[in-house]
Amino acid sequence: MWPQDPSWKEVLRFAVSCRILTLILQALFNAIIPDHHAEAFSPPRLAPSGFVDQLVEGLLGGLSRWDAEHFLFIAEYGYLYEHNFAFFPGFPLALLVGTELLRPLRGLLSLRSCLLISAASLNFLFFVLAAVALHDLGCFVLHCPRQAFYAALLFCLSPANVFLAAGYSEALFALLTFSAMGQLERGRVWTSGLLFALATGVRSNGLVSIGFLMHSQCQGFFSSLTMLNPMRQLLKLMASLFLSVFTLGLPFALFQYYAYTQFCLPGSARPIPEPLVQLAVDKDYRIAEGNEPPWCFWDVPLMYSYIQDVYWNVGFLKYYELRQVPNFLLATPVAILVAWATWTYVTTHPWLCLTLGLQRSKNNKTLKKPDLGFLSPQVFVYVVHAAVLLLFGGLCMHVQVLTRFLGSSTPIVYWFPAHLLQDQEPLLRSLKTVPSKCLTEDSPPGQKVPRNPIMGLLYHWKICSPVTRYILGYFLTYWLLGLLLHCNFLPWT
């Protein structure tokens, strides 16, 4: 369902333009800059490579770096190595679906090339739809079309740009998550729960989204206490919470069970090509054949936590080492952004935060007019979600991934900068960019689609406010540096 505000058309155009520019730049950087010889997962190519395959690799090879190689490998061969199970199956399955559409080209292209084209094409589509979904969500939550418009345009220049374009699962996850949030705001709980569950099948941090469903159900429970039977409503709430946890946890549980059947049950191993077996021997990768891994004997055999600990050294404060200071510096801008957004919201609405967003004021008479934009009461649960992700990512993960971790998971990364731009950039008041209120079906015909204010600010860079320069400078710098470094196997976030 497309938003009624016509500014979504400008968002769509800008998202498409940014994706095209991204593909061109990554191909250019990949061609003129030699690849760094990094210690990254690099399986051998088993199929012969023809001229067309080499052409595809030259044009799109920059999108297959680092973790993207895992997703492409899983889509081509399945989950052969133990550490492959760190990557959830949603995106590889999407790649296989996209590859089926390229079946007529299999005479010219290898499966690897088809997967690479599928990754680039699908993430192009996912990203554009995610930008529109974010704009739609902003109109519902912020009740301020200006900020919703600005935020969607900023998403098109996301600091996580390269990960939203490369063969990573971030673009699909962002689309599913923003769409699920939008459906929940419309009151479509079951549709929202299904989309959140699909997002959990794409990335593990989708499990945190259970908070949105639980908060929505608790709001409904407290609002109905004075009108309906409290005990009946309590039982209904408990059943709803159980179904929400079950629905969002099911993809994760099924994936862990699949891993258990592959590595812990006899006779489940699949034949593996000899070159891939040799790679496992050379790199000390565990395959299903051989001794059972230690996690098989745990009371709750969760392969995911074991892999994160053993292969990636992920755990509470494990990344806090002096040699990781550069990575902490890379993550500092997005961490400051989310922390600043949280502090701004909490200090503006202390009572709302103390009551967990379930009671807006001690005295309803004090609420003459609700805040709009980022400071809207509806934003509370999104701020909590962003703060939880920041806290978990900063304490338990490789901290440099915070940029893409937050940039693909929470709209706060875009809503708060949009709030700052609207609040502190005088130039925006002179640019006629969006109507003063959301358009409806009864709006006058012939309403023009608004122009792009972000491009207007870049054009007038010298007279922009310092806050605007900091925000756009951060977004554009990470947008370009990500393409320059990541596409050539150089360290990035």
Protein backbone atom coordinates (compact mmCIF):
# COMPACT_ATOMS: atom_id res chain seq x y z
CA MET A 1 0.00 0.00 0.00
CA TRP A 2 1.60 3.23 -1.17
CA PRO A 3 1.54 6.27 1.12
CA GLN A 4 -0.97 8.96 0.24
CA ASP A 5 1.61 11.72 0.67
CA PRO A 6 3.05 12.30 -2.85
CA SER A 7 6.55 12.78 -1.46
CA TRP A 8 7.01 8.98 -1.62
CA LYS A 9 7.51 9.40 -5.37
CA GLU A 10 10.53 11.63 -4.76
CA VAL A 11 11.81 9.10 -2.21
CA LEU A 12 11.44 6.37 -4.82
CA ARG A 13 13.31 8.40 -7.44
CA PHE A 14 16.10 9.33 -5.05
CA ALA A 15 16.49 5.73 -3.84
CA VAL A 16 16.76 4.44 -7.40
CA SER A 17 19.29 7.15 -8.29
CA CYS A 18 21.42 6.36 -5.23
CA ARG A 19 21.39 2.62 -6.02
CA ILE A 20 22.46 3.20 -9.61
CA LEU A 21 25.26 5.50 -8.46
CA THR A 22 26.32 2.93 -5.87
CA LEU A 23 26.61 0.16 -8.46
CA ILE A 24 28.63 2.39 -10.78
CA LEU A 25 31.01 3.54 -8.05
CA GLN A 26 31.63 0.08 -6.63
CA ALA A 27 32.50 -1.21 -10.11
CA LEU A 28 34.82 1.78 -10.66
CA PHE A 29 36.56 1.44 -7.29
CA ASN A 30 36.87 -2.31 -7.75
CA ALA A 31 38.51 -1.80 -11.13
CA ILE A 32 41.05 0.88 -10.25
CA ILE A 33 42.03 -0.20 -6.70
CA PRO A 34 43.86 -3.51 -6.15
CA ASP A 35 42.16 -5.88 -3.73
CA HIS A 36 43.69 -6.21 -0.30
CA HIS A 37 44.74 -9.75 0.58
CA ALA A 38 42.55 -10.19 3.63
CA GLU A 39 42.05 -13.23 5.85
CA ALA A 40 38.48 -13.67 4.68
CA PHE A 41 36.37 -16.65 3.71
CA SER A 42 37.29 -17.42 0.10
CA PRO A 43 36.14 -20.83 -1.20
CA PRO A 44 37.52 -22.19 -4.50
CA ARG A 45 35.51 -21.79 -7.70
CA LEU A 46 34.53 -25.28 -8.83
CA ALA A 47 32.80 -24.34 -12.08
CA PRO A 48 34.78 -23.07 -15.08
CA SER A 49 34.66 -19.33 -15.65
CA GLY A 50 33.93 -17.96 -19.11
CA PHE A 51 34.21 -14.49 -20.57
CA VAL A 52 30.70 -13.46 -19.50
CA ASP A 53 31.39 -14.72 -15.96
CA GLN A 54 34.54 -12.62 -15.81
CA LEU A 55 32.56 -9.61 -17.03
CA VAL A 56 29.94 -10.11 -14.29
CA GLU A 57 32.71 -10.47 -11.71
CA GLY A 58 34.33 -7.27 -12.92
CA LEU A 59 31.07 -5.29 -12.75
CA LEU A 60 29.60 -6.74 -9.55
CA GLY A 61 32.52 -8.41 -7.80
CA GLY A 62 32.82 -5.56 -5.32
CA LEU A 63 29.46 -6.66 -3.86
CA SER A 64 30.79 -10.11 -2.92
CA ARG A 65 33.37 -9.12 -0.31
CA TRP A 66 33.71 -10.26 3.31
CA ASP A 67 30.49 -11.78 4.68
CA ALA A 68 28.78 -11.57 1.29
CA GLU A 69 30.93 -14.55 0.28
CA HIS A 70 29.26 -16.62 3.00
CA PHE A 71 25.77 -15.83 1.72
CA LEU A 72 26.74 -16.63 -1.88
CA PHE A 73 28.43 -19.86 -0.79
CA ILE A 74 25.40 -20.97 1.25
CA ALA A 75 23.08 -20.26 -1.66
CA GLU A 76 25.30 -22.30 -3.98
CA TYR A 77 26.31 -25.26 -1.79
CA GLY A 78 24.17 -25.12 1.35
CA TYR A 79 25.36 -25.16 4.96
CA LEU A 80 28.49 -27.31 4.62
CA TYR A 81 30.74 -25.77 7.26
CA GLU A 82 29.88 -25.24 10.90
CA HIS A 83 30.62 -21.52 10.83
CA ASN A 84 28.20 -21.03 7.89
CA PHE A 85 25.37 -21.36 10.43
CA ALA A 86 26.19 -17.88 11.75
CA PHE A 87 24.29 -16.62 8.68
CA PHE A 88 20.54 -17.13 8.68
CA PRO A 89 18.82 -18.74 5.66
CA GLY A 90 16.35 -16.00 4.67
CA PHE A 91 18.67 -14.12 2.33
CA PRO A 92 20.29 -17.20 0.70
CA LEU A 93 16.79 -18.52 -0.02
CA ALA A 94 15.89 -15.19 -1.63
CA LEU A 95 19.05 -15.45 -3.76
CA LEU A 96 18.00 -18.90 -4.97
CA VAL A 97 14.57 -17.57 -5.93
CA GLY A 98 16.21 -14.73 -7.85
CA THR A 99 18.57 -17.20 -9.54
CA GLU A 100 15.64 -19.26 -10.78
CA LEU A 101 14.48 -16.21 -12.71
CA LEU A 102 17.87 -16.20 -14.45
CA ARG A 103 17.64 -19.85 -15.48
CA PRO A 104 17.44 -18.98 -19.22
CA LEU A 105 20.94 -17.47 -18.89
CA ARG A 106 22.53 -20.57 -17.34
CA GLY A 107 24.01 -21.50 -20.69
CA LEU A 108 26.08 -18.30 -20.62
CA LEU A 109 26.60 -17.86 -16.89
CA SER A 110 27.81 -20.04 -14.05
CA LEU A 111 25.68 -20.43 -10.94
CA ARG A 112 28.08 -18.14 -9.10
CA SER A 113 27.49 -15.34 -11.63
CA CYS A 114 23.73 -15.84 -11.49
CA LEU A 115 23.85 -15.58 -7.71
CA LEU A 116 25.91 -12.40 -7.92
CA ILE A 117 23.43 -10.82 -10.35
CA SER A 118 20.58 -11.99 -8.14
CA ALA A 119 22.19 -10.41 -5.05
CA ALA A 120 22.73 -7.07 -6.79
CA SER A 121 19.24 -6.99 -8.32
CA LEU A 122 17.34 -8.12 -5.25
CA ASN A 123 19.14 -5.75 -2.91
CA PHE A 124 18.46 -2.94 -5.38
CA LEU A 125 14.75 -3.77 -5.12
CA PHE A 126 14.79 -4.38 -1.36
CA PHE A 127 16.55 -1.09 -0.69
CA VAL A 128 14.15 1.00 -2.79
CA LEU A 129 11.11 -0.64 -1.18
CA ALA A 130 12.66 -0.22 2.29
CA ALA A 131 13.03 3.54 1.66
CA VAL A 132 9.35 3.79 0.71
CA ALA A 133 8.36 1.63 3.70
CA LEU A 134 10.35 3.90 6.04
CA HIS A 135 8.61 6.96 4.60
CA ASP A 136 5.23 5.29 5.07
CA LEU A 137 6.10 4.33 8.65
CA GLY A 138 7.29 7.87 9.41
CA CYS A 139 4.00 9.37 8.24
CA PHE A 140 2.08 7.08 10.61
CA VAL A 141 4.32 7.46 13.66
CA LEU A 142 5.69 10.99 13.43
CA HIS A 143 2.49 12.70 12.22
CA CYS A 144 4.86 15.10 10.48
CA PRO A 145 5.35 14.61 6.75
CA ARG A 146 8.43 16.82 6.68
CA GLN A 147 10.39 14.64 9.05
CA ALA A 148 9.12 11.44 7.44
CA PHE A 149 10.26 12.78 4.07
CA TYR A 150 13.66 13.93 5.33
CA ALA A 151 14.25 10.61 7.12
CA ALA A 152 13.48 8.53 4.03
CA LEU A 153 15.85 10.66 1.95
CA LEU A 154 18.56 10.26 4.59
CA PHE A 155 18.04 6.49 4.44
CA CYS A 156 18.94 6.68 0.75
CA LEU A 157 22.31 8.12 1.88
CA SER A 158 22.64 5.68 4.78
CA PRO A 159 26.10 5.32 6.37
CA ALA A 160 25.46 1.58 5.96
CA ASN A 161 25.10 2.09 2.21
CA VAL A 162 27.58 -0.53 1.02
CA PHE A 163 25.99 -3.26 3.16
CA LEU A 164 22.55 -2.38 1.85
CA ALA A 165 23.87 -2.86 -1.70
CA ALA A 166 26.34 -5.76 -1.33
CA GLY A 167 25.45 -9.42 -0.96
CA TYR A 168 24.44 -8.94 2.67
CA SER A 169 21.05 -9.49 4.31
CA GLU A 170 20.68 -5.90 5.61
CA ALA A 171 18.47 -4.56 2.80
CA LEU A 172 15.98 -7.44 3.05
CA PHE A 173 15.97 -7.16 6.84
CA ALA A 174 15.32 -3.41 6.69
CA LEU A 175 12.43 -3.91 4.26
CA LEU A 176 10.78 -6.61 6.39
CA THR A 177 11.33 -4.73 9.65
CA PHE A 178 10.08 -1.33 8.47
CA SER A 179 7.11 -2.99 6.75
CA ALA A 180 6.26 -4.96 9.90
CA MET A 181 6.39 -1.79 11.98
CA GLY A 182 4.10 -0.05 9.50
CA GLN A 183 1.58 -2.89 9.59
CA LEU A 184 1.58 -2.83 13.38
CA GLU A 185 0.90 0.91 13.37
CA ARG A 186 -2.13 0.17 11.18
CA GLY A 187 -3.39 -2.35 13.74
CA ARG A 188 -2.67 -5.38 11.54
CA VAL A 189 -1.06 -7.46 14.27
CA TRP A 190 -1.02 -10.80 12.47
CA THR A 191 0.49 -9.37 9.29
CA SER A 192 3.04 -7.53 11.38
CA GLY A 193 3.91 -10.67 13.32
CA LEU A 194 4.42 -12.62 10.10
CA LEU A 195 6.75 -9.96 8.69
CA PHE A 196 8.69 -9.78 11.96
CA ALA A 197 9.01 -13.59 11.88
CA LEU A 198 10.34 -13.47 8.33
CA ALA A 199 12.83 -10.80 9.45
CA THR A 200 13.99 -13.14 12.23
CA GLY A 201 14.67 -15.74 9.55
CA VAL A 202 16.96 -13.21 7.88
CA ARG A 203 18.89 -11.87 10.89
CA SER A 204 18.99 -12.99 14.51
CA ASN A 205 18.43 -9.49 15.91
CA GLY A 206 14.91 -9.75 14.54
CA LEU A 207 14.15 -11.49 17.85
CA VAL A 208 14.36 -8.12 19.59
CA SER A 209 11.34 -6.98 17.58
CA ILE A 210 9.15 -9.03 19.92
CA GLY A 211 9.15 -5.88 22.05
CA PHE A 212 6.98 -4.06 19.51
CA LEU A 213 4.28 -6.73 19.59
CA MET A 214 4.41 -7.02 23.38
CA HIS A 215 4.18 -3.27 23.88
CA SER A 216 1.25 -3.00 21.47
CA GLN A 217 -0.60 -5.79 23.27
CA CYS A 218 0.07 -4.26 26.69
CA GLN A 219 -1.28 -0.93 25.46
CA GLY A 220 -4.45 -2.64 24.34
CA PHE A 221 -4.73 -4.42 27.68
CA PHE A 222 -4.42 -1.27 29.80
CA SER A 223 -6.80 0.71 27.61
CA SER A 224 -9.49 -1.97 27.96
CA LEU A 225 -9.21 -2.50 31.71
CA THR A 226 -11.89 0.04 32.60
CA MET A 227 -14.42 -1.29 30.09
CA LEU A 228 -14.08 -5.09 30.03
CA ASN A 229 -13.54 -7.99 32.44
CA PRO A 230 -9.96 -7.60 33.79
CA MET A 231 -9.34 -11.35 34.24
CA ARG A 232 -10.53 -12.17 30.75
CA GLN A 233 -8.36 -9.42 29.30
CA LEU A 234 -5.36 -10.66 31.31
CA LEU A 235 -5.78 -14.19 29.96
CA LYS A 236 -6.13 -12.78 26.45
CA LEU A 237 -2.94 -10.75 26.97
CA MET A 238 -0.99 -13.80 28.18
CA ALA A 239 -2.16 -15.84 25.17
CA SER A 240 -1.21 -13.03 22.79
CA LEU A 241 2.23 -12.66 24.33
CA PHE A 242 2.82 -16.41 24.08
CA LEU A 243 1.79 -16.46 20.43
CA SER A 244 4.05 -13.49 19.70
CA VAL A 245 7.07 -15.13 21.32
CA PHE A 246 6.30 -18.42 19.57
CA THR A 247 5.85 -16.81 16.15
CA LEU A 248 9.03 -14.73 16.23
CA GLY A 249 11.09 -17.45 17.90
CA LEU A 250 10.00 -20.24 15.54
CA PRO A 251 12.37 -19.38 12.63
CA PHE A 252 15.33 -19.21 15.02
CA ALA A 253 14.36 -22.51 16.70
CA LEU A 254 13.86 -24.31 13.38
CA PHE A 255 17.23 -23.11 12.13
CA GLN A 256 18.95 -24.37 15.29
CA TYR A 257 17.16 -27.70 14.95
CA TYR A 258 18.32 -28.00 11.35
CA ALA A 259 21.90 -27.41 12.50
CA TYR A 260 21.45 -30.11 15.16
CA THR A 261 20.25 -32.64 12.57
CA GLN A 262 23.26 -31.90 10.35
CA PHE A 263 26.00 -32.15 12.97
CA CYS A 264 24.61 -34.16 15.87
CA LEU A 265 22.50 -36.92 14.29
CA PRO A 266 24.23 -39.84 12.49
CA GLY A 267 23.70 -40.37 8.79
CA SER A 268 22.65 -36.81 8.00
CA ALA A 269 25.88 -35.62 6.35
CA ARG A 270 25.75 -34.77 2.64
CA PRO A 271 28.44 -35.48 0.04
CA ILE A 272 30.92 -32.58 -0.19
CA PRO A 273 33.09 -31.89 -3.26
CA GLU A 274 36.73 -32.79 -2.66
CA PRO A 275 38.08 -29.19 -3.09
CA LEU A 276 35.70 -27.98 -0.38
CA VAL A 277 36.75 -30.84 1.91
CA GLN A 278 40.37 -29.85 1.33
CA LEU A 279 39.50 -26.22 2.20
CA ALA A 280 38.02 -27.44 5.47
CA VAL A 281 41.26 -29.32 6.22
CA ASP A 282 43.47 -26.35 5.30
CA LYS A 283 41.44 -23.76 7.23
CA ASP A 284 40.36 -26.03 10.10
CA TYR A 285 36.66 -25.69 9.26
CA ARG A 286 34.40 -28.27 10.87
CA ILE A 287 32.13 -30.27 8.55
CA ALA A 288 29.35 -32.67 9.47
CA GLU A 289 31.45 -35.78 8.96
CA GLY A 290 33.69 -36.64 11.90
CA ASN A 291 33.51 -36.00 15.63
CA GLU A 292 30.41 -34.35 17.01
CA PRO A 293 31.01 -30.74 18.13
CA PRO A 294 30.80 -29.96 21.87
CA TRP A 295 27.57 -27.96 21.58
CA CYS A 296 25.73 -31.17 20.63
CA PHE A 297 26.03 -32.29 24.25
CA TRP A 298 24.71 -29.09 25.84
CA ASP A 299 21.40 -29.21 27.68
CA VAL A 300 20.13 -26.69 25.13
CA PRO A 301 22.25 -27.31 22.00
CA LEU A 302 22.33 -23.82 20.53
CA MET A 303 24.81 -23.82 17.69
CA TYR A 304 24.48 -20.08 17.08
CA SER A 305 25.93 -18.94 20.42
CA TYR A 306 28.76 -21.47 20.11
CA ILE A 307 29.72 -20.25 16.63
CA GLN A 308 29.65 -16.60 17.63
CA ASP A 309 31.95 -17.37 20.57
CA VAL A 310 34.44 -19.74 18.93
CA TYR A 311 34.68 -18.38 15.38
CA TRP A 312 34.04 -14.66 15.89
CA ASN A 313 34.96 -14.14 19.56
CA VAL A 314 31.59 -12.51 20.22
CA GLY A 315 30.65 -12.16 23.88
CA PHE A 316 30.19 -9.73 26.73
CA LEU A 317 33.09 -7.19 26.70
CA LYS A 318 35.28 -9.59 24.67
CA TYR A 319 35.95 -6.90 22.10
CA TYR A 320 37.25 -4.39 24.63
CA GLU A 321 40.94 -4.55 23.74
CA LEU A 322 43.40 -1.76 23.05
CA ARG A 323 43.99 -2.96 19.47
CA GLN A 324 40.28 -2.54 18.71
CA VAL A 325 40.32 1.23 19.32
CA PRO A 326 40.12 2.02 15.55
CA ASN A 327 36.98 -0.09 15.28
CA PHE A 328 35.43 1.72 18.23
CA LEU A 329 36.20 5.01 16.50
CA LEU A 330 34.42 3.80 13.36
CA ALA A 331 31.31 3.03 15.40
CA THR A 332 31.42 6.24 17.44
CA PRO A 333 29.27 8.45 15.13
CA VAL A 334 26.27 6.12 15.03
CA ALA A 335 26.63 5.36 18.74
CA ILE A 336 26.59 9.08 19.56
CA LEU A 337 23.61 9.59 17.26
CA VAL A 338 21.45 6.93 18.94
CA ALA A 339 22.60 7.87 22.45
CA TRP A 340 21.82 11.54 21.75
CA ALA A 341 18.42 10.61 20.36
CA THR A 342 17.66 8.53 23.46
CA TRP A 343 18.75 11.28 25.84
CA THR A 344 16.74 13.91 23.96
CA TYR A 345 13.60 11.81 24.06
CA VAL A 346 13.93 10.74 27.70
CA THR A 347 14.56 14.26 28.97
CA THR A 348 11.60 15.56 26.96
CA HIS A 349 9.18 12.84 28.12
CA PRO A 350 10.39 11.61 31.53
CA TRP A 351 6.92 10.57 32.73
CA LEU A 352 6.15 8.78 29.48
CA CYS A 353 9.40 6.83 29.79
CA LEU A 354 8.86 6.00 33.47
CA THR A 355 5.45 4.52 32.63
CA LEU A 356 6.92 2.62 29.64
CA GLY A 357 4.78 4.56 27.21
CA LEU A 358 1.58 3.09 28.65
CA GLN A 359 0.44 6.28 30.38
CA ARG A 360 1.20 9.60 28.75
CA SER A 361 0.73 11.99 31.64
CA LYS A 362 -0.11 12.11 35.32
CA ASN A 363 -2.89 14.50 34.47
CA ASN A 364 -4.52 14.29 31.06
CA LYS A 365 -5.44 17.97 31.30
CA THR A 366 -1.78 18.88 30.98
CA LEU A 367 -1.74 17.47 27.48
CA LYS A 368 -3.10 20.33 25.43
CA LYS A 369 -1.52 19.28 22.17
CA PRO A 370 0.61 16.17 21.55
CA ASP A 371 4.14 16.57 20.25
CA LEU A 372 4.69 15.83 16.60
CA GLY A 373 7.71 14.45 14.80
CA PHE A 374 10.50 12.66 16.62
CA LEU A 375 9.14 13.80 20.01
CA SER A 376 5.75 12.18 19.38
CA PRO A 377 4.64 9.78 22.16
CA GLN A 378 4.36 7.01 19.55
CA VAL A 379 8.13 7.11 19.06
CA PHE A 380 8.78 5.80 22.60
CA VAL A 381 8.93 2.10 21.70
CA TYR A 382 11.23 2.83 18.75
CA VAL A 383 13.64 4.74 21.00
CA VAL A 384 13.72 1.84 23.46
CA HIS A 385 14.33 -0.59 20.61
CA ALA A 386 17.24 1.50 19.31
CA ALA A 387 18.73 1.91 22.79
CA VAL A 388 18.57 -1.85 23.44
CA LEU A 389 20.27 -2.60 20.13
CA LEU A 390 22.97 -0.01 20.87
CA LEU A 391 23.60 -1.40 24.34
CA PHE A 392 23.76 -4.99 23.16
CA GLY A 393 25.87 -4.18 20.11
CA GLY A 394 28.28 -2.00 22.07
CA LEU A 395 28.84 -4.55 24.84
CA CYS A 396 28.56 -7.94 23.17
CA MET A 397 29.34 -7.63 19.45
CA HIS A 398 32.17 -6.57 17.17
CA VAL A 399 31.53 -2.91 17.73
CA GLN A 400 32.41 -1.79 14.20
CA VAL A 401 29.25 -3.49 12.87
CA LEU A 402 27.09 -1.03 14.80
CA THR A 403 26.73 1.19 11.74
CA ARG A 404 25.04 -1.48 9.62
CA PHE A 405 23.47 -3.19 12.63
CA LEU A 406 21.57 -0.04 13.61
CA GLY A 407 21.25 1.41 10.12
CA SER A 408 19.21 -1.57 8.93
CA SER A 409 17.21 -2.19 12.11
CA THR A 410 15.90 1.04 13.58
CA PRO A 411 14.29 4.13 12.03
CA ILE A 412 15.70 6.25 14.87
CA VAL A 413 19.01 6.49 12.95
CA TYR A 414 17.08 8.49 10.33
CA TRP A 415 14.22 10.06 12.31
CA PHE A 416 16.48 11.86 14.79
CA PRO A 417 18.76 13.48 12.16
CA ALA A 418 15.60 14.50 10.28
CA HIS A 419 14.35 16.10 13.51
CA LEU A 420 17.64 17.97 13.92
CA LEU A 421 17.57 19.19 10.33
CA GLN A 422 14.03 20.48 10.63
CA ASP A 423 14.69 22.06 14.01
CA GLN A 424 18.10 23.64 13.40
CA GLU A 425 18.50 24.25 9.67
CA PRO A 426 17.08 27.70 8.75
CA LEU A 427 17.58 27.04 5.05
CA LEU A 428 14.89 24.34 5.08
CA ARG A 429 12.28 26.90 6.07
CA SER A 430 12.86 28.75 2.81
CA LEU A 431 12.73 25.60 0.66
CA LYS A 432 9.21 24.61 -0.33
CA THR A 433 9.75 20.89 -0.06
CA VAL A 434 6.66 19.29 1.45
CA PRO A 435 3.11 20.31 2.31
CA SER A 436 2.36 21.26 5.89
CA LYS A 437 0.23 18.19 6.50
CA CYS A 438 -0.22 14.68 5.10
CA LEU A 439 -2.26 14.61 1.94
CA THR A 440 -5.43 12.54 1.81
CA GLU A 441 -7.64 11.25 -0.93
CA ASP A 442 -9.60 14.52 -0.66
CA SER A 443 -6.54 16.66 -1.32
CA PRO A 444 -6.76 19.07 -4.26
CA PRO A 445 -5.82 17.47 -7.59
CA GLY A 446 -2.63 18.52 -9.29
CA GLN A 447 -0.59 18.63 -6.07
CA LYS A 448 3.06 18.72 -7.17
CA VAL A 449 5.52 16.15 -5.93
CA PRO A 450 7.94 17.93 -3.55
CA ARG A 451 11.53 18.56 -4.48
CA ASN A 452 14.48 16.90 -2.78
CA PRO A 453 15.55 19.11 0.17
CA ILE A 454 18.66 17.03 0.90
CA MET A 455 20.06 17.80 -2.52
CA GLY A 456 19.13 21.44 -1.93
CA LEU A 457 21.16 21.45 1.29
CA LEU A 458 24.14 19.88 -0.45
CA TYR A 459 23.91 22.51 -3.17
CA HIS A 460 23.96 25.25 -0.53
CA TRP A 461 26.55 23.51 1.63
CA LYS A 462 28.54 26.66 2.47
CA ILE A 463 25.61 28.42 4.12
CA CYS A 464 24.20 25.39 5.97
CA SER A 465 24.23 25.28 9.76
CA PRO A 466 27.01 23.32 11.54
CA VAL A 467 24.53 20.60 12.60
CA THR A 468 23.51 20.07 8.98
CA ARG A 469 27.13 19.84 7.90
CA TYR A 470 27.91 17.29 10.59
CA ILE A 471 24.91 15.12 9.72
CA LEU A 472 25.28 15.19 5.95
CA GLY A 473 29.07 15.02 6.21
CA TYR A 474 28.82 11.85 8.31
CA PHE A 475 26.24 10.21 6.03
CA LEU A 476 28.08 11.03 2.80
CA THR A 477 31.55 10.19 4.13
CA TYR A 478 30.50 6.73 5.29
CA TRP A 479 28.42 6.28 2.12
CA LEU A 480 31.52 6.78 -0.06
CA LEU A 481 34.21 5.28 2.20
CA GLY A 482 32.20 2.09 2.52
CA LEU A 483 32.24 1.63 -1.24
CA LEU A 484 35.90 2.55 -1.51
CA LEU A 485 37.16 0.23 1.25
CA HIS A 486 34.70 -2.63 1.56
CA CYS A 487 34.61 -3.40 -2.18
CA ASN A 488 38.39 -3.97 -2.15
CA PHE A 489 38.59 -6.21 0.95
CA LEU A 490 39.81 -3.33 3.10
CA PRO A 491 38.54 -3.15 6.71
CA TRP A 492 35.23 -1.36 7.13
CA THR A 493 32.27 -1.40 9.47
